[in-house]
PDB file of N, CA and C in Angstrom:
ATOM      1  N   UNK A   1      15.108 -15.096   7.797  1.00  0.00           N
ATOM      2  CA  UNK A   1      13.630 -15.918   7.829  1.00  0.00           C
ATOM      3  C   UNK A   1      13.447 -16.011   9.355  1.00  0.00           C
ATOM      4  N   UNK A   2      12.153 -16.004   9.725  1.00  0.00           N
ATOM      5  CA  UNK A   2      12.108 -16.535  11.244  1.00  0.00           C
ATOM      6  C   UNK A   2      11.327 -17.606  11.332  1.00  0.00           C
ATOM      7  N   UNK A   3      11.812 -18.486  12.025  1.00  0.00           N
ATOM      8  CA  UNK A   3      11.243 -19.874  12.268  1.00  0.00           C
ATOM      9  C   UNK A   3      10.955 -19.929  13.844  1.00  0.00           C
ATOM     10  N   UNK A   4       9.685 -19.828  14.203  1.00  0.00           N
ATOM     11  CA  UNK A   4       8.909 -19.882  15.533  1.00  0.00           C
ATOM     12  C   UNK A   4       7.945 -21.134  15.774  1.00  0.00           C
ATOM     13  N   UNK A   5       8.132 -21.824  16.844  1.00  0.00           N
ATOM     14  CA  UNK A   5       7.421 -22.812  16.910  1.00  0.00           C
ATOM     15  C   UNK A   5       5.763 -22.616  16.774  1.00  0.00           C
ATOM     16  N   UNK A   6       5.357 -21.368  17.637  1.00  0.00           N
ATOM     17  CA  UNK A   6       3.897 -21.376  17.399  1.00  0.00           C
ATOM     18  C   UNK A   6       3.652 -19.864  17.032  1.00  0.00           C
ATOM     19  N   UNK A   7       2.448 -19.925  16.263  1.00  0.00           N
ATOM     20  CA  UNK A   7       1.799 -18.595  15.772  1.00  0.00           C
ATOM     21  C   UNK A   7       1.708 -17.395  16.873  1.00  0.00           C
ATOM     22  N   UNK A   8       1.255 -17.932  18.062  1.00  0.00           N
ATOM     23  CA  UNK A   8       1.144 -17.138  19.131  1.00  0.00           C
ATOM     24  C   UNK A   8       2.260 -16.409  19.622  1.00  0.00           C
ATOM     25  N   UNK A   9       3.484 -17.138  19.578  1.00  0.00           N
ATOM     26  CA  UNK A   9       4.930 -16.408  19.921  1.00  0.00           C
ATOM     27  C   UNK A   9       5.137 -15.597  18.969  1.00  0.00           C
ATOM     28  N   UNK A  10       4.964 -15.714  17.492  1.00  0.00           N
ATOM     29  CA  UNK A  10       5.361 -15.102  16.673  1.00  0.00           C
ATOM     30  C   UNK A  10       4.471 -13.733  16.520  1.00  0.00           C
ATOM     31  N   UNK A  11       3.028 -13.988  16.941  1.00  0.00           N
ATOM     32  CA  UNK A  11       2.224 -12.720  17.018  1.00  0.00           C
ATOM     33  C   UNK A  11       3.016 -11.601  18.256  1.00  0.00           C
ATOM     34  N   UNK A  12       3.180 -12.063  19.178  1.00  0.00           N
ATOM     35  CA  UNK A  12       3.704 -11.411  20.386  1.00  0.00           C
ATOM     36  C   UNK A  12       5.221 -10.659  19.953  1.00  0.00           C
ATOM     37  N   UNK A  13       5.994 -11.534  19.453  1.00  0.00           N
ATOM     38  CA  UNK A  13       7.275 -11.091  18.995  1.00  0.00           C
ATOM     39  C   UNK A  13       7.206  -9.830  18.109  1.00  0.00           C
ATOM     40  N   UNK A  14       6.398 -10.135  16.932  1.00  0.00           N
ATOM     41  CA  UNK A  14       6.077  -9.189  15.927  1.00  0.00           C
ATOM     42  C   UNK A  14       5.794  -7.869  16.642  1.00  0.00           C
ATOM     43  N   UNK A  15       4.504  -7.879  17.342  1.00  0.00           N
ATOM     44  CA  UNK A  15       3.802  -6.936  17.873  1.00  0.00           C
ATOM     45  C   UNK A  15       4.845  -6.105  18.834  1.00  0.00           C
ATOM     46  N   UNK A  16       5.349  -6.761  19.706  1.00  0.00           N
ATOM     47  CA  UNK A  16       6.377  -6.069  20.490  1.00  0.00           C
ATOM     48  C   UNK A  16       7.428  -5.560  19.940  1.00  0.00           C
ATOM     49  N   UNK A  17       8.057  -5.985  18.883  1.00  0.00           N
ATOM     50  CA  UNK A  17       8.974  -5.068  18.181  1.00  0.00           C
ATOM     51  C   UNK A  17       8.281  -3.869  17.240  1.00  0.00           C
ATOM     52  N   UNK A  18       7.073  -4.009  16.740  1.00  0.00           N
ATOM     53  CA  UNK A  18       6.442  -2.792  16.104  1.00  0.00           C
ATOM     54  C   UNK A  18       6.598  -1.862  17.323  1.00  0.00           C
ATOM     55  N   UNK A  19       5.913  -2.093  18.476  1.00  0.00           N
ATOM     56  CA  UNK A  19       5.628  -1.222  19.679  1.00  0.00           C
ATOM     57  C   UNK A  19       6.938  -0.521  19.882  1.00  0.00           C
ATOM     58  N   UNK A  20       8.057  -1.373  20.154  1.00  0.00           N
ATOM     59  CA  UNK A  20       9.247  -0.982  20.798  1.00  0.00           C
ATOM     60  C   UNK A  20       9.875   0.005  19.954  1.00  0.00           C
ATOM     61  N   UNK A  21       9.783  -0.318  18.559  1.00  0.00           N
ATOM     62  CA  UNK A  21      10.463   0.739  17.639  1.00  0.00           C
ATOM     63  C   UNK A  21       9.414   1.481  16.728  1.00  0.00           C
ATOM     64  N   UNK A  22       8.327   1.620  17.256  1.00  0.00           N
ATOM     65  CA  UNK A  22       7.296   2.519  16.499  1.00  0.00           C
ATOM     66  C   UNK A  22       7.375   2.097  14.997  1.00  0.00           C
ATOM     67  N   UNK A  23       7.308   1.003  14.765  1.00  0.00           N
ATOM     68  CA  UNK A  23       7.741   0.660  13.411  1.00  0.00           C
ATOM     69  C   UNK A  23       6.402   0.622  12.548  1.00  0.00           C
ATOM     70  N   UNK A  24       6.610   0.317  11.285  1.00  0.00           N
ATOM     71  CA  UNK A  24       5.555   0.155  10.194  1.00  0.00           C
ATOM     72  C   UNK A  24       5.576  -1.597  10.256  1.00  0.00           C
ATOM     73  N   UNK A  25       4.424  -1.797   9.615  1.00  0.00           N
ATOM     74  CA  UNK A  25       4.157  -3.150   9.066  1.00  0.00           C
ATOM     75  C   UNK A  25       5.163  -3.869   7.990  1.00  0.00           C
ATOM     76  N   UNK A  26       5.506  -2.846   7.284  1.00  0.00           N
ATOM     77  CA  UNK A  26       6.574  -3.231   6.068  1.00  0.00           C
ATOM     78  C   UNK A  26       7.553  -3.522   6.917  1.00  0.00           C
ATOM     79  N   UNK A  27       8.327  -2.546   7.749  1.00  0.00           N
ATOM     80  CA  UNK A  27       9.762  -2.633   8.515  1.00  0.00           C
ATOM     81  C   UNK A  27       9.853  -4.088   9.573  1.00  0.00           C
ATOM     82  N   UNK A  28       8.526  -4.185   9.864  1.00  0.00           N
ATOM     83  CA  UNK A  28       8.443  -5.475  10.612  1.00  0.00           C
ATOM     84  C   UNK A  28       8.825  -6.772   9.689  1.00  0.00           C
ATOM     85  N   UNK A  29       8.068  -6.734   8.352  1.00  0.00           N
ATOM     86  CA  UNK A  29       8.103  -7.836   7.874  1.00  0.00           C
ATOM     87  C   UNK A  29       9.627  -8.017   7.215  1.00  0.00           C
ATOM     88  N   UNK A  30      10.108  -6.955   6.915  1.00  0.00           N
ATOM     89  CA  UNK A  30      11.676  -7.189   6.204  1.00  0.00           C
ATOM     90  C   UNK A  30      12.654  -7.488   7.157  1.00  0.00           C
ATOM     91  N   UNK A  31      12.240  -6.939   8.477  1.00  0.00           N
ATOM     92  CA  UNK A  31      13.228  -7.519   9.727  1.00  0.00           C
ATOM     93  C   UNK A  31      13.291  -8.841   9.857  1.00  0.00           C
ATOM     94  N   UNK A  32      11.811  -9.271   9.669  1.00  0.00           N
ATOM     95  CA  UNK A  32      11.405 -10.803  10.332  1.00  0.00           C
ATOM     96  C   UNK A  32      11.730 -11.614   8.872  1.00  0.00           C
ATOM     97  N   UNK A  33      11.798 -11.179   7.773  1.00  0.00           N
ATOM     98  CA  UNK A  33      11.876 -12.145   6.583  1.00  0.00           C
ATOM     99  C   UNK A  33      10.466 -12.534   6.144  1.00  0.00           C
ATOM    100  N   UNK A  34       9.375 -12.024   6.720  1.00  0.00           N
ATOM    101  CA  UNK A  34       7.964 -12.690   6.172  1.00  0.00           C
ATOM    102  C   UNK A  34       7.231 -11.548   5.610  1.00  0.00           C
ATOM    103  N   UNK A  35       6.155 -11.916   5.110  1.00  0.00           N
ATOM    104  CA  UNK A  35       5.216 -11.048   4.202  1.00  0.00           C
ATOM    105  C   UNK A  35       4.460 -10.344   4.877  1.00  0.00           C
ATOM    106  N   UNK A  36       4.256  -8.725   4.451  1.00  0.00           N
ATOM    107  CA  UNK A  36       3.558  -7.897   5.207  1.00  0.00           C
ATOM    108  C   UNK A  36       2.100  -8.261   5.546  1.00  0.00           C
ATOM    109  N   UNK A  37       1.579  -9.210   4.628  1.00  0.00           N
ATOM    110  CA  UNK A  37       0.052  -9.842   5.012  1.00  0.00           C
ATOM    111  C   UNK A  37       0.147 -10.725   6.361  1.00  0.00           C
ATOM    112  N   UNK A  38       1.057 -11.574   6.446  1.00  0.00           N
ATOM    113  CA  UNK A  38       1.297 -12.092   7.712  1.00  0.00           C
ATOM    114  C   UNK A  38       1.614 -11.353   8.907  1.00  0.00           C
ATOM    115  N   UNK A  39       2.461 -10.540   8.597  1.00  0.00           N
ATOM    116  CA  UNK A  39       2.429  -9.521  10.115  1.00  0.00           C
ATOM    117  C   UNK A  39       1.307  -9.009  10.208  1.00  0.00           C
ATOM    118  N   UNK A  40       0.596  -8.266   9.159  1.00  0.00           N
ATOM    119  CA  UNK A  40      -0.823  -7.491   9.614  1.00  0.00           C
ATOM    120  C   UNK A  40      -1.779  -8.227   9.998  1.00  0.00           C
ATOM    121  N   UNK A  41      -1.814  -9.608   9.620  1.00  0.00           N
ATOM    122  CA  UNK A  41      -2.992 -10.499  10.097  1.00  0.00           C
ATOM    123  C   UNK A  41      -2.521 -10.941  11.518  1.00  0.00           C
ATOM    124  N   UNK A  42      -1.062 -11.240  11.830  1.00  0.00           N
ATOM    125  CA  UNK A  42      -0.736 -11.518  12.896  1.00  0.00           C
ATOM    126  C   UNK A  42      -0.953 -10.548  14.004  1.00  0.00           C
ATOM    127  N   UNK A  43      -0.752  -9.280  13.877  1.00  0.00           N
ATOM    128  CA  UNK A  43      -0.741  -8.013  14.818  1.00  0.00           C
ATOM    129  C   UNK A  43      -2.293  -7.429  14.951  1.00  0.00           C
ATOM    130  N   UNK A  44      -3.068  -7.839  13.811  1.00  0.00           N
ATOM    131  CA  UNK A  44      -4.369  -7.099  13.737  1.00  0.00           C
ATOM    132  C   UNK A  44      -5.710  -8.120  14.032  1.00  0.00           C
ATOM    133  N   UNK A  45      -5.388  -9.391  13.636  1.00  0.00           N
ATOM    134  CA  UNK A  45      -6.626 -10.620  14.061  1.00  0.00           C
ATOM    135  C   UNK A  45      -6.035 -11.380  15.295  1.00  0.00           C
ATOM    136  N   UNK A  46      -4.885 -11.939  14.949  1.00  0.00           N
ATOM    137  CA  UNK A  46      -4.502 -13.154  15.898  1.00  0.00           C
ATOM    138  C   UNK A  46      -4.317 -12.632  17.233  1.00  0.00           C
ATOM    139  N   UNK A  47      -3.382 -11.405  17.194  1.00  0.00           N
ATOM    140  CA  UNK A  47      -2.895 -10.871  18.424  1.00  0.00           C
ATOM    141  C   UNK A  47      -4.170 -10.538  19.370  1.00  0.00           C
ATOM    142  N   UNK A  48      -5.260 -10.084  18.729  1.00  0.00           N
ATOM    143  CA  UNK A  48      -6.326  -9.630  19.755  1.00  0.00           C
ATOM    144  C   UNK A  48      -6.714 -10.672  20.509  1.00  0.00           C
ATOM    145  N   UNK A  49      -6.935 -11.969  20.111  1.00  0.00           N
ATOM    146  CA  UNK A  49      -7.380 -13.068  20.955  1.00  0.00           C
ATOM    147  C   UNK A  49      -6.402 -13.411  21.972  1.00  0.00           C
ATOM    148  N   UNK A  50      -5.144 -12.938  21.860  1.00  0.00           N
ATOM    149  CA  UNK A  50      -3.865 -13.662  22.524  1.00  0.00           C
ATOM    150  C   UNK A  50      -3.251 -12.741  23.551  1.00  0.00           C
ATOM    151  N   UNK A  51      -3.641 -11.165  23.384  1.00  0.00           N
ATOM    152  CA  UNK A  51      -2.848 -10.514  24.484  1.00  0.00           C
ATOM    153  C   UNK A  51      -3.641  -8.995  23.857  1.00  0.00           C
ATOM    154  N   UNK A  52      -4.387  -8.696  24.438  1.00  0.00           N
ATOM    155  CA  UNK A  52      -5.351  -7.508  24.375  1.00  0.00           C
ATOM    156  C   UNK A  52      -4.576  -6.327  24.605  1.00  0.00           C
ATOM    157  N   UNK A  53      -3.960  -6.241  25.881  1.00  0.00           N
ATOM    158  CA  UNK A  53      -3.088  -4.975  26.091  1.00  0.00           C
ATOM    159  C   UNK A  53      -2.073  -4.656  25.076  1.00  0.00           C
ATOM    160  N   UNK A  54      -1.336  -5.538  24.449  1.00  0.00           N
ATOM    161  CA  UNK A  54      -0.306  -5.300  23.501  1.00  0.00           C
ATOM    162  C   UNK A  54      -0.899  -5.044  22.406  1.00  0.00           C
ATOM    163  N   UNK A  55      -2.337  -5.647  21.991  1.00  0.00           N
ATOM    164  CA  UNK A  55      -2.890  -5.378  20.756  1.00  0.00           C
ATOM    165  C   UNK A  55      -3.421  -3.813  20.691  1.00  0.00           C
ATOM    166  N   UNK A  56      -3.903  -3.357  21.912  1.00  0.00           N
ATOM    167  CA  UNK A  56      -4.012  -2.117  22.056  1.00  0.00           C
ATOM    168  C   UNK A  56      -2.926  -0.953  21.880  1.00  0.00           C
ATOM    169  N   UNK A  57      -1.847  -1.313  21.941  1.00  0.00           N
ATOM    170  CA  UNK A  57      -0.637  -0.528  22.233  1.00  0.00           C
ATOM    171  C   UNK A  57      -0.369  -0.712  20.369  1.00  0.00           C
ATOM    172  N   UNK A  58      -0.463  -1.962  19.855  1.00  0.00           N
ATOM    173  CA  UNK A  58      -0.031  -1.929  18.439  1.00  0.00           C
ATOM    174  C   UNK A  58      -1.055  -1.150  17.655  1.00  0.00           C
ATOM    175  N   UNK A  59      -2.348  -1.099  18.060  1.00  0.00           N
ATOM    176  CA  UNK A  59      -3.559  -0.500  17.359  1.00  0.00           C
ATOM    177  C   UNK A  59      -2.994   1.187  17.225  1.00  0.00           C
ATOM    178  N   UNK A  60      -2.464   1.606  18.580  1.00  0.00           N
ATOM    179  CA  UNK A  60      -2.091   2.961  18.549  1.00  0.00           C
ATOM    180  C   UNK A  60      -0.966   3.302  17.498  1.00  0.00           C
ATOM    181  N   UNK A  61      -0.100   2.474  17.448  1.00  0.00           N
ATOM    182  CA  UNK A  61       1.168   2.667  16.745  1.00  0.00           C
ATOM    183  C   UNK A  61       1.013   2.760  15.185  1.00  0.00           C
ATOM    184  N   UNK A  62      -0.155   1.804  14.933  1.00  0.00           N
ATOM    185  CA  UNK A  62      -0.923   1.570  13.758  1.00  0.00           C
ATOM    186  C   UNK A  62      -1.688   2.828  13.208  1.00  0.00           C
ATOM    187  N   UNK A  63      -2.221   3.351  14.066  1.00  0.00           N
ATOM    188  CA  UNK A  63      -3.201   4.536  13.821  1.00  0.00           C
ATOM    189  C   UNK A  63      -2.055   5.734  13.518  1.00  0.00           C
ATOM    190  N   UNK A  64      -1.337   5.849  14.393  1.00  0.00           N
ATOM    191  CA  UNK A  64      -0.132   6.978  14.176  1.00  0.00           C
ATOM    192  C   UNK A  64       0.462   6.929  12.948  1.00  0.00           C
ATOM    193  N   UNK A  65       0.922   5.644  12.378  1.00  0.00           N
ATOM    194  CA  UNK A  65       1.530   5.526  11.311  1.00  0.00           C
ATOM    195  C   UNK A  65       0.506   5.778   9.853  1.00  0.00           C
ATOM    196  N   UNK A  66      -0.572   5.594  10.460  1.00  0.00           N
ATOM    197  CA  UNK A  66      -1.809   5.734   9.334  1.00  0.00           C
ATOM    198  C   UNK A  66      -1.789   7.591   9.179  1.00  0.00           C
ATOM    199  N   UNK A  67      -1.677   8.191  10.154  1.00  0.00           N
ATOM    200  CA  UNK A  67      -2.028   9.432  10.228  1.00  0.00           C
ATOM    201  C   UNK A  67      -0.592  10.120   9.489  1.00  0.00           C
ATOM    202  N   UNK A  68       0.368   9.412   9.795  1.00  0.00           N
ATOM    203  CA  UNK A  68       1.865   9.967   8.998  1.00  0.00           C
ATOM    204  C   UNK A  68       1.921   9.497   7.653  1.00  0.00           C
ATOM    205  N   UNK A  69       1.253   8.686   6.992  1.00  0.00           N
ATOM    206  CA  UNK A  69       1.510   7.953   5.988  1.00  0.00           C
ATOM    207  C   UNK A  69       1.495   8.934   4.712  1.00  0.00           C
ATOM    208  N   UNK A  70       0.795  10.073   4.547  1.00  0.00           N
ATOM    209  CA  UNK A  70       0.885  10.750   3.565  1.00  0.00           C
ATOM    210  C   UNK A  70       2.294  11.868   3.541  1.00  0.00           C
ATOM    211  N   UNK A  71       2.871  11.912   4.564  1.00  0.00           N
ATOM    212  CA  UNK A  71       4.076  12.428   5.079  1.00  0.00           C
ATOM    213  C   UNK A  71       5.292  11.953   4.522  1.00  0.00           C
ATOM    214  N   UNK A  72       5.417  10.457   4.964  1.00  0.00           N
ATOM    215  CA  UNK A  72       6.300   9.711   4.390  1.00  0.00           C
ATOM    216  C   UNK A  72       6.335   9.598   2.632  1.00  0.00           C
ATOM    217  N   UNK A  73       5.001   9.433   2.113  1.00  0.00           N
ATOM    218  CA  UNK A  73       4.912   9.257   1.027  1.00  0.00           C
ATOM    219  C   UNK A  73       5.510  10.550   0.015  1.00  0.00           C
ATOM    220  N   UNK A  74       5.224  11.675   0.631  1.00  0.00           N
ATOM    221  CA  UNK A  74       5.637  12.990   0.353  1.00  0.00           C
ATOM    222  C   UNK A  74       7.485  13.048   0.206  1.00  0.00           C
ATOM    223  N   UNK A  75       7.709  12.493   1.576  1.00  0.00           N
ATOM    224  CA  UNK A  75       9.412  12.422   1.592  1.00  0.00           C
ATOM    225  C   UNK A  75      10.110  11.848   0.425  1.00  0.00           C
ATOM    226  N   UNK A  76       9.260  10.508   0.574  1.00  0.00           N
ATOM    227  CA  UNK A  76       9.960   9.340  -0.404  1.00  0.00           C
ATOM    228  C   UNK A  76      10.034  10.026  -1.957  1.00  0.00           C
ATOM    229  N   UNK A  77       8.954  10.774  -2.214  1.00  0.00           N
ATOM    230  CA  UNK A  77       8.867  11.330  -3.657  1.00  0.00           C
ATOM    231  C   UNK A  77       9.788  12.528  -3.724  1.00  0.00           C
ATOM    232  N   UNK A  78       9.901  13.328  -2.862  1.00  0.00           N
ATOM    233  CA  UNK A  78      10.789  14.429  -2.946  1.00  0.00           C
ATOM    234  C   UNK A  78      12.515  13.692  -2.852  1.00  0.00           C
ATOM    235  N   UNK A  79      12.739  12.944  -2.313  1.00  0.00           N
ATOM    236  CA  UNK A  79      13.898  12.160  -2.420  1.00  0.00           C
ATOM    237  C   UNK A  79      14.036  11.458  -3.778  1.00  0.00           C
ATOM    238  N   UNK A  80      13.131  11.030  -4.488  1.00  0.00           N
ATOM    239  CA  UNK A  80      13.109  10.529  -5.725  1.00  0.00           C
ATOM    240  C   UNK A  80      13.542  11.457  -6.689  1.00  0.00           C
ATOM    241  N   UNK A  81      12.828  12.567  -6.867  1.00  0.00           N
ATOM    242  CA  UNK A  81      12.889  13.478  -7.953  1.00  0.00           C
ATOM    243  C   UNK A  81      14.263  14.353  -7.363  1.00  0.00           C
ATOM    244  N   UNK A  82      14.884  14.321  -6.340  1.00  0.00           N
ATOM    245  CA  UNK A  82      16.126  15.191  -5.740  1.00  0.00           C
ATOM    246  C   UNK A  82      17.182  14.010  -6.270  1.00  0.00           C
ATOM    247  N   UNK A  83      17.253  12.898  -6.252  1.00  0.00           N
ATOM    248  CA  UNK A  83      18.108  12.023  -6.691  1.00  0.00           C
ATOM    249  C   UNK A  83      18.083  11.847  -7.956  1.00  0.00           C
ATOM    250  N   UNK A  84      17.000  12.234  -9.086  1.00  0.00           N
ATOM    251  CA  UNK A  84      16.860  12.173 -10.312  1.00  0.00           C
ATOM    252  C   UNK A  84      17.581  13.573 -10.759  1.00  0.00           C
ATOM    253  N   UNK A  85      17.626  14.383 -10.301  1.00  0.00           N
ATOM    254  CA  UNK A  85      18.065  15.967 -10.389  1.00  0.00           C
ATOM    255  C   UNK A  85      19.450  15.740 -10.643  1.00  0.00           C
ATOM    256  N   UNK A  86      20.027  15.056  -9.389  1.00  0.00           N
ATOM    257  CA  UNK A  86      21.583  15.063  -9.380  1.00  0.00           C
ATOM    258  C   UNK A  86      22.209  14.134 -10.227  1.00  0.00           C
ATOM    259  N   UNK A  87      21.356  12.929 -10.493  1.00  0.00           N
ATOM    260  CA  UNK A  87      21.799  12.234 -11.611  1.00  0.00           C
ATOM    261  C   UNK A  87      21.928  12.997 -13.093  1.00  0.00           C
ATOM    262  N   UNK A  88      20.657  13.741 -13.279  1.00  0.00           N
ATOM    263  CA  UNK A  88      20.812  14.510 -14.568  1.00  0.00           C
ATOM    264  C   UNK A  88      21.758  15.538 -14.579  1.00  0.00           C
ATOM    265  N   UNK A  89      22.110  16.040 -13.494  1.00  0.00           N
ATOM    266  CA  UNK A  89      23.023  17.220 -13.459  1.00  0.00           C
ATOM    267  C   UNK A  89      24.449  16.805 -13.640  1.00  0.00           C
ATOM    268  N   UNK A  90      24.771  15.454 -13.478  1.00  0.00           N
ATOM    269  CA  UNK A  90      26.085  14.991 -13.360  1.00  0.00           C
ATOM    270  C   UNK A  90      26.213  14.350 -14.914  1.00  0.00           C
ATOM    271  N   UNK A  91      25.203  14.113 -15.565  1.00  0.00           N
ATOM    272  CA  UNK A  91      25.196  13.341 -16.904  1.00  0.00           C
ATOM    273  C   UNK A  91      25.264  14.564 -18.010  1.00  0.00           C
ATOM    274  N   UNK A  92      24.895  15.757 -17.584  1.00  0.00           N
ATOM    275  CA  UNK A  92      24.202  16.813 -18.478  1.00  0.00           C
ATOM    276  C   UNK A  92      25.286  18.005 -18.092  1.00  0.00           C
TER     277      UNK A  92
END
């Protein structure tokens, strides 16, 4: 769980982590133990008022994530069915 004195500091920490690791909102939320909604609001709405250059970097990472989203979904589905086939072969 993340305990930080001010929301401004939290916004900068979350955004910095996302940019440095080219991470997703979901991964940032999991890392810091807060909700995806909080992360998203902090890095898209609140950060814009606090640190415009960092906000621009965050938006670039989020845009890239959006472009790659369909690929990640496809990989997750592929992995799911591959694991199911392994279990099926093991049982049968």
